[in-house]
Amino acid sequence: MLLNFFKNDRAPRNTRLPLRLMGERIHIRSPERDDWEDWVEVRNRNERFLKPWSPAAAFSNTTREGFNRRLANYHEEWDTDRGYAFFIYRNDTNALVGGVTLNNIVRGAGQMATMGYWLDEGETRQGFMTEAALLACQFGFSALKLHRIQAGTLPENVASQKVLRNCGFTQEGIARKYIQINKEWRDHQMFALLSEEFINLGGSSF
């Protein structure tokens, strides 16, 4: 898998935006102000599809104003090494088809992050989410020097679990009442991938 960057072909933790990571069929890049219209359209069109798996805040204020607030938060988290958000684009059409984040960054003895992701319903079952997640993991392990990336899914979200397994994540157990979904605290199945495991999968270094 190819991985290319806008700035000096490297991505240290203090890399400034924008940043683009190239895959074979998709690329992921940091959100920009001009993305608001595409984001609003895709999020609103997919609300029914994504809502069963998503916190309520994910669909609050899906407008230009709401996007700008999110963008400001993305930049602040990036600058303070607390989180890294990317949008997913198809290489052939340059259409926005989803998003992937590394957030809740823990430094010190932990060196870990939590990965989240979403995909346009019409783009599922084509391997795009697996490719985007692998790009995000490569960024996390190689550029951010993380040791562990974890992710949680609702127990019935088989498609999301398949993505994680395809990326080499190991199922670890249940986090009780982990996230509030549709006003209910829901258990989540937890998965994790370690840096040494990703290297064994063939992830390239920076």
C-alpha atoms as a PDB file:
ATOM      1  CA  MET A   1       0.000   0.000   0.000  1.00  0.00           C
ATOM      2  CA  LEU A   2       1.333   3.425  -0.964  1.00  0.00           C
ATOM      3  CA  LEU A   3       1.442   6.264   1.519  1.00  0.00           C
ATOM      4  CA  ASN A   4       2.334   9.778   0.339  1.00  0.00           C
ATOM      5  CA  PHE A   5       2.337  13.141   2.113  1.00  0.00           C
ATOM      6  CA  PHE A   6       2.086  16.778   1.105  1.00  0.00           C
ATOM      7  CA  LYS A   7       5.017  17.825   3.269  1.00  0.00           C
ATOM      8  CA  ASN A   8       8.489  16.369   2.798  1.00  0.00           C
ATOM      9  CA  ASP A   9       7.100  12.810   2.554  1.00  0.00           C
ATOM     10  CA  ARG A  10       7.020  12.644   6.352  1.00  0.00           C
ATOM     11  CA  ALA A  11       4.431  13.238   9.050  1.00  0.00           C
ATOM     12  CA  PRO A  12       5.868  14.045  12.463  1.00  0.00           C
ATOM     13  CA  ARG A  13       3.438  14.894  15.216  1.00  0.00           C
ATOM     14  CA  ASN A  14       3.747  18.630  14.552  1.00  0.00           C
ATOM     15  CA  THR A  15       2.848  18.317  10.839  1.00  0.00           C
ATOM     16  CA  ARG A  16       0.599  21.180   9.849  1.00  0.00           C
ATOM     17  CA  LEU A  17      -2.564  20.755   7.841  1.00  0.00           C
ATOM     18  CA  PRO A  18      -3.450  19.795   5.172  1.00  0.00           C
ATOM     19  CA  LEU A  19      -2.257  16.219   5.024  1.00  0.00           C
ATOM     20  CA  ARG A  20      -3.103  13.601   2.391  1.00  0.00           C
ATOM     21  CA  LEU A  21      -2.409   9.865   2.639  1.00  0.00           C
ATOM     22  CA  MET A  22      -2.685   7.987  -0.647  1.00  0.00           C
ATOM     23  CA  GLY A  23      -3.933   4.418  -1.009  1.00  0.00           C
ATOM     24  CA  GLU A  24      -4.540   2.297  -4.058  1.00  0.00           C
ATOM     25  CA  ARG A  25      -8.241   3.117  -4.591  1.00  0.00           C
ATOM     26  CA  ILE A  26      -8.931   5.765  -1.962  1.00  0.00           C
ATOM     27  CA  HIS A  27      -7.055   8.498  -0.153  1.00  0.00           C
ATOM     28  CA  ILE A  28      -7.656  10.107   3.206  1.00  0.00           C
ATOM     29  CA  ARG A  29      -6.935  13.743   3.981  1.00  0.00           C
ATOM     30  CA  SER A  30      -7.505  16.254   6.718  1.00  0.00           C
ATOM     31  CA  PRO A  31     -10.786  18.203   6.333  1.00  0.00           C
ATOM     32  CA  GLU A  32     -10.720  21.676   4.785  1.00  0.00           C
ATOM     33  CA  ARG A  33     -13.184  24.571   4.889  1.00  0.00           C
ATOM     34  CA  ASP A  34     -14.386  24.026   1.317  1.00  0.00           C
ATOM     35  CA  ASP A  35     -15.501  20.476   2.179  1.00  0.00           C
ATOM     36  CA  TRP A  36     -18.592  21.653   4.029  1.00  0.00           C
ATOM     37  CA  GLU A  37     -21.113  21.225   1.193  1.00  0.00           C
ATOM     38  CA  ASP A  38     -20.058  17.657   0.348  1.00  0.00           C
ATOM     39  CA  TRP A  39     -19.961  16.738   4.040  1.00  0.00           C
ATOM     40  CA  VAL A  40     -23.454  18.110   4.710  1.00  0.00           C
ATOM     41  CA  GLU A  41     -24.879  16.242   1.710  1.00  0.00           C
ATOM     42  CA  VAL A  42     -23.249  12.904   2.526  1.00  0.00           C
ATOM     43  CA  ARG A  43     -24.006  13.005   6.249  1.00  0.00           C
ATOM     44  CA  ASN A  44     -27.654  13.980   5.793  1.00  0.00           C
ATOM     45  CA  ARG A  45     -28.189  11.404   3.030  1.00  0.00           C
ATOM     46  CA  ASN A  46     -26.731   8.655   5.243  1.00  0.00           C
ATOM     47  CA  GLU A  47     -28.375   9.617   8.529  1.00  0.00           C
ATOM     48  CA  ARG A  48     -30.780   6.660   8.561  1.00  0.00           C
ATOM     49  CA  PHE A  49     -27.980   4.237   7.647  1.00  0.00           C
ATOM     50  CA  LEU A  50     -25.451   5.507  10.203  1.00  0.00           C
ATOM     51  CA  LYS A  51     -27.678   6.546  13.099  1.00  0.00           C
ATOM     52  CA  PRO A  52     -28.089   3.056  14.655  1.00  0.00           C
ATOM     53  CA  TRP A  53     -24.314   2.883  15.223  1.00  0.00           C
ATOM     54  CA  SER A  54     -23.530   6.509  16.047  1.00  0.00           C
ATOM     55  CA  PRO A  55     -23.694   8.825  19.090  1.00  0.00           C
ATOM     56  CA  ALA A  56     -26.395  11.476  18.825  1.00  0.00           C
ATOM     57  CA  ALA A  57     -23.778  14.242  18.576  1.00  0.00           C
ATOM     58  CA  ALA A  58     -22.633  12.844  15.234  1.00  0.00           C
ATOM     59  CA  PHE A  59     -25.833  14.133  13.620  1.00  0.00           C
ATOM     60  CA  SER A  60     -26.295  17.378  15.505  1.00  0.00           C
ATOM     61  CA  ASN A  61     -26.142  20.534  13.378  1.00  0.00           C
ATOM     62  CA  THR A  62     -25.202  18.920  10.064  1.00  0.00           C
ATOM     63  CA  THR A  63     -25.079  22.340   8.408  1.00  0.00           C
ATOM     64  CA  ARG A  64     -22.351  24.663   7.162  1.00  0.00           C
ATOM     65  CA  GLU A  65     -22.216  26.248  10.619  1.00  0.00           C
ATOM     66  CA  GLY A  66     -21.957  22.839  12.240  1.00  0.00           C
ATOM     67  CA  PHE A  67     -19.211  21.793   9.863  1.00  0.00           C
ATOM     68  CA  ASN A  68     -17.180  24.923  10.616  1.00  0.00           C
ATOM     69  CA  ARG A  69     -17.446  24.230  14.348  1.00  0.00           C
ATOM     70  CA  ARG A  70     -16.264  20.679  13.792  1.00  0.00           C
ATOM     71  CA  LEU A  71     -13.419  21.903  11.598  1.00  0.00           C
ATOM     72  CA  ALA A  72     -12.214  24.282  14.301  1.00  0.00           C
ATOM     73  CA  ASN A  73     -12.310  21.417  16.792  1.00  0.00           C
ATOM     74  CA  TYR A  74     -10.420  19.138  14.383  1.00  0.00           C
ATOM     75  CA  HIS A  75      -7.659  21.732  14.006  1.00  0.00           C
ATOM     76  CA  GLU A  76      -7.419  22.304  17.750  1.00  0.00           C
ATOM     77  CA  GLU A  77      -7.169  18.568  18.435  1.00  0.00           C
ATOM     78  CA  TRP A  78      -4.543  18.170  15.722  1.00  0.00           C
ATOM     79  CA  ASP A  79      -2.454  21.058  17.064  1.00  0.00           C
ATOM     80  CA  THR A  80      -2.602  19.723  20.622  1.00  0.00           C
ATOM     81  CA  ASP A  81      -1.985  16.053  19.670  1.00  0.00           C
ATOM     82  CA  ARG A  82      -5.374  14.985  21.019  1.00  0.00           C
ATOM     83  CA  GLY A  83      -6.966  13.705  17.815  1.00  0.00           C
ATOM     84  CA  TYR A  84      -6.548  13.373  14.062  1.00  0.00           C
ATOM     85  CA  ALA A  85      -9.538  13.450  11.701  1.00  0.00           C
ATOM     86  CA  PHE A  86      -9.486  12.462   8.037  1.00  0.00           C
ATOM     87  CA  PHE A  87     -12.080  12.353   5.270  1.00  0.00           C
ATOM     88  CA  ILE A  88     -12.106   9.429   2.823  1.00  0.00           C
ATOM     89  CA  TYR A  89     -12.151  10.112  -0.928  1.00  0.00           C
ATOM     90  CA  ARG A  90     -12.294   7.797  -3.917  1.00  0.00           C
ATOM     91  CA  ASN A  91      -9.273   8.222  -6.175  1.00  0.00           C
ATOM     92  CA  ASP A  92     -11.248   7.755  -9.404  1.00  0.00           C
ATOM     93  CA  THR A  93     -14.025  10.290  -8.716  1.00  0.00           C
ATOM     94  CA  ASN A  94     -12.574  12.352  -5.832  1.00  0.00           C
ATOM     95  CA  ALA A  95     -15.967  11.926  -4.129  1.00  0.00           C
ATOM     96  CA  LEU A  96     -16.231  12.177  -0.348  1.00  0.00           C
ATOM     97  CA  VAL A  97     -17.326   8.733   0.861  1.00  0.00           C
ATOM     98  CA  GLY A  98     -16.564   8.632   4.585  1.00  0.00           C
ATOM     99  CA  GLY A  99     -14.321   9.518   7.468  1.00  0.00           C
ATOM    100  CA  VAL A 100     -11.813   7.966   9.857  1.00  0.00           C
ATOM    101  CA  THR A 101     -10.395   9.399  13.080  1.00  0.00           C
ATOM    102  CA  LEU A 102      -7.721   8.652  15.619  1.00  0.00           C
ATOM    103  CA  ASN A 103      -8.835  10.344  18.825  1.00  0.00           C
ATOM    104  CA  ASN A 104      -8.560  10.140  22.609  1.00  0.00           C
ATOM    105  CA  ILE A 105      -4.787  10.142  22.203  1.00  0.00           C
ATOM    106  CA  VAL A 106      -2.966   8.916  25.316  1.00  0.00           C
ATOM    107  CA  ARG A 107       0.740   9.674  25.675  1.00  0.00           C
ATOM    108  CA  GLY A 108       3.160   8.812  28.472  1.00  0.00           C
ATOM    109  CA  ALA A 109       3.147   5.126  29.329  1.00  0.00           C
ATOM    110  CA  GLY A 110       0.053   4.436  27.208  1.00  0.00           C
ATOM    111  CA  GLN A 111       0.838   5.648  23.659  1.00  0.00           C
ATOM    112  CA  MET A 112      -2.593   4.696  22.348  1.00  0.00           C
ATOM    113  CA  ALA A 113      -5.585   6.012  20.424  1.00  0.00           C
ATOM    114  CA  THR A 114      -9.180   5.081  19.645  1.00  0.00           C
ATOM    115  CA  MET A 115     -10.178   4.738  16.002  1.00  0.00           C
ATOM    116  CA  GLY A 116     -13.613   5.629  14.676  1.00  0.00           C
ATOM    117  CA  TYR A 117     -14.947   5.502  11.134  1.00  0.00           C
ATOM    118  CA  TRP A 118     -18.000   5.810   8.910  1.00  0.00           C
ATOM    119  CA  LEU A 119     -18.770   5.152   5.239  1.00  0.00           C
ATOM    120  CA  ASP A 120     -21.415   6.168   2.728  1.00  0.00           C
ATOM    121  CA  GLU A 121     -23.949   3.328   2.405  1.00  0.00           C
ATOM    122  CA  GLY A 122     -23.516   3.241  -1.373  1.00  0.00           C
ATOM    123  CA  GLU A 123     -19.758   2.659  -1.029  1.00  0.00           C
ATOM    124  CA  THR A 124     -19.883  -0.309   1.354  1.00  0.00           C
ATOM    125  CA  ARG A 125     -18.745  -3.877   0.592  1.00  0.00           C
ATOM    126  CA  GLN A 126     -15.955  -2.714  -1.705  1.00  0.00           C
ATOM    127  CA  GLY A 127     -13.055  -2.741   0.757  1.00  0.00           C
ATOM    128  CA  PHE A 128     -12.780   1.054   0.904  1.00  0.00           C
ATOM    129  CA  MET A 129     -13.192   1.209   4.679  1.00  0.00           C
ATOM    130  CA  THR A 130     -10.537  -1.445   5.251  1.00  0.00           C
ATOM    131  CA  GLU A 131      -8.094   0.472   3.055  1.00  0.00           C
ATOM    132  CA  ALA A 132      -8.839   3.757   4.836  1.00  0.00           C
ATOM    133  CA  ALA A 133      -8.483   2.171   8.276  1.00  0.00           C
ATOM    134  CA  LEU A 134      -5.113   0.685   7.313  1.00  0.00           C
ATOM    135  CA  LEU A 135      -3.907   4.100   6.145  1.00  0.00           C
ATOM    136  CA  ALA A 136      -5.006   5.623   9.459  1.00  0.00           C
ATOM    137  CA  CYS A 137      -3.237   2.846  11.371  1.00  0.00           C
ATOM    138  CA  GLN A 138      -0.051   3.360   9.394  1.00  0.00           C
ATOM    139  CA  PHE A 139      -0.180   7.067  10.212  1.00  0.00           C
ATOM    140  CA  GLY A 140      -0.806   6.280  13.875  1.00  0.00           C
ATOM    141  CA  PHE A 141       1.988   3.782  14.278  1.00  0.00           C
ATOM    142  CA  SER A 142       4.620   5.325  12.018  1.00  0.00           C
ATOM    143  CA  ALA A 143       4.017   9.080  12.302  1.00  0.00           C
ATOM    144  CA  LEU A 144       2.458   9.363  15.758  1.00  0.00           C
ATOM    145  CA  LYS A 145       4.564   6.541  17.239  1.00  0.00           C
ATOM    146  CA  LEU A 146       1.567   4.931  18.906  1.00  0.00           C
ATOM    147  CA  HIS A 147       1.832   1.475  20.430  1.00  0.00           C
ATOM    148  CA  ARG A 148      -1.869   0.559  20.441  1.00  0.00           C
ATOM    149  CA  ILE A 149      -4.952   1.499  18.406  1.00  0.00           C
ATOM    150  CA  GLN A 150      -8.306   0.295  19.700  1.00  0.00           C
ATOM    151  CA  ALA A 151     -11.848   0.427  18.344  1.00  0.00           C
ATOM    152  CA  GLY A 152     -15.274  -0.530  19.635  1.00  0.00           C
ATOM    153  CA  THR A 153     -18.343  -1.776  17.780  1.00  0.00           C
ATOM    154  CA  LEU A 154     -21.849  -2.647  18.818  1.00  0.00           C
ATOM    155  CA  PRO A 155     -22.055  -6.447  19.182  1.00  0.00           C
ATOM    156  CA  GLU A 156     -24.493  -6.697  16.256  1.00  0.00           C
ATOM    157  CA  ASN A 157     -22.392  -4.553  13.896  1.00  0.00           C
ATOM    158  CA  VAL A 158     -20.874  -7.459  11.997  1.00  0.00           C
ATOM    159  CA  ALA A 159     -19.741  -5.310   9.053  1.00  0.00           C
ATOM    160  CA  SER A 160     -17.658  -3.049  11.302  1.00  0.00           C
ATOM    161  CA  GLN A 161     -16.124  -6.048  13.031  1.00  0.00           C
ATOM    162  CA  LYS A 162     -15.173  -7.483   9.631  1.00  0.00           C
ATOM    163  CA  VAL A 163     -13.293  -4.272   8.800  1.00  0.00           C
ATOM    164  CA  LEU A 164     -11.295  -4.522  12.009  1.00  0.00           C
ATOM    165  CA  ARG A 165     -10.473  -8.183  11.510  1.00  0.00           C
ATOM    166  CA  ASN A 166      -9.403  -7.460   7.931  1.00  0.00           C
ATOM    167  CA  CYS A 167      -6.968  -4.898   9.359  1.00  0.00           C
ATOM    168  CA  GLY A 168      -5.511  -7.420  11.794  1.00  0.00           C
ATOM    169  CA  PHE A 169      -7.275  -6.244  14.966  1.00  0.00           C
ATOM    170  CA  THR A 170      -7.761  -8.763  17.766  1.00  0.00           C
ATOM    171  CA  GLN A 171     -11.073  -9.099  19.587  1.00  0.00           C
ATOM    172  CA  GLU A 172     -10.451  -8.469  23.285  1.00  0.00           C
ATOM    173  CA  GLY A 173     -13.794  -8.418  25.092  1.00  0.00           C
ATOM    174  CA  ILE A 174     -16.827  -6.347  26.022  1.00  0.00           C
ATOM    175  CA  ALA A 175     -16.702  -2.789  27.348  1.00  0.00           C
ATOM    176  CA  ARG A 176     -19.880  -2.458  29.380  1.00  0.00           C
ATOM    177  CA  LYS A 177     -22.108   0.558  28.646  1.00  0.00           C
ATOM    178  CA  TYR A 178     -19.251   2.045  26.658  1.00  0.00           C
ATOM    179  CA  ILE A 179     -21.018   4.694  24.528  1.00  0.00           C
ATOM    180  CA  GLN A 180     -24.493   6.187  24.552  1.00  0.00           C
ATOM    181  CA  ILE A 181     -26.342   5.304  21.321  1.00  0.00           C
ATOM    182  CA  ASN A 182     -29.918   6.522  20.783  1.00  0.00           C
ATOM    183  CA  LYS A 183     -30.131   7.604  24.428  1.00  0.00           C
ATOM    184  CA  GLU A 184     -29.104   4.177  25.689  1.00  0.00           C
ATOM    185  CA  TRP A 185     -25.731   3.219  27.154  1.00  0.00           C
ATOM    186  CA  ARG A 186     -24.613   0.313  24.989  1.00  0.00           C
ATOM    187  CA  ASP A 187     -22.032  -2.407  25.490  1.00  0.00           C
ATOM    188  CA  HIS A 188     -19.350  -2.478  22.785  1.00  0.00           C
ATOM    189  CA  GLN A 189     -17.150  -5.268  21.505  1.00  0.00           C
ATOM    190  CA  MET A 190     -13.557  -4.045  21.780  1.00  0.00           C
ATOM    191  CA  PHE A 191     -10.774  -4.725  19.288  1.00  0.00           C
ATOM    192  CA  ALA A 192      -7.132  -3.629  19.320  1.00  0.00           C
ATOM    193  CA  LEU A 193      -4.066  -3.630  17.088  1.00  0.00           C
ATOM    194  CA  LEU A 194      -0.509  -3.243  18.390  1.00  0.00           C
ATOM    195  CA  SER A 195       2.361  -1.613  16.527  1.00  0.00           C
ATOM    196  CA  GLU A 196       4.374  -4.839  16.358  1.00  0.00           C
ATOM    197  CA  GLU A 197       1.365  -6.658  14.927  1.00  0.00           C
ATOM    198  CA  PHE A 198       0.905  -4.035  12.229  1.00  0.00           C
ATOM    199  CA  ILE A 199       4.567  -4.362  11.213  1.00  0.00           C
ATOM    200  CA  ASN A 200       4.019  -8.103  10.896  1.00  0.00           C
ATOM    201  CA  LEU A 201       1.109  -7.381   8.555  1.00  0.00           C
ATOM    202  CA  GLY A 202       3.448  -5.530   6.208  1.00  0.00           C
ATOM    203  CA  GLY A 203       2.888  -1.935   7.269  1.00  0.00           C
ATOM    204  CA  SER A 204       5.703   0.263   5.978  1.00  0.00           C
ATOM    205  CA  SER A 205       7.620   2.692   8.161  1.00  0.00           C
ATOM    206  CA  PHE A 206       8.184   6.428   7.622  1.00  0.00           C
END
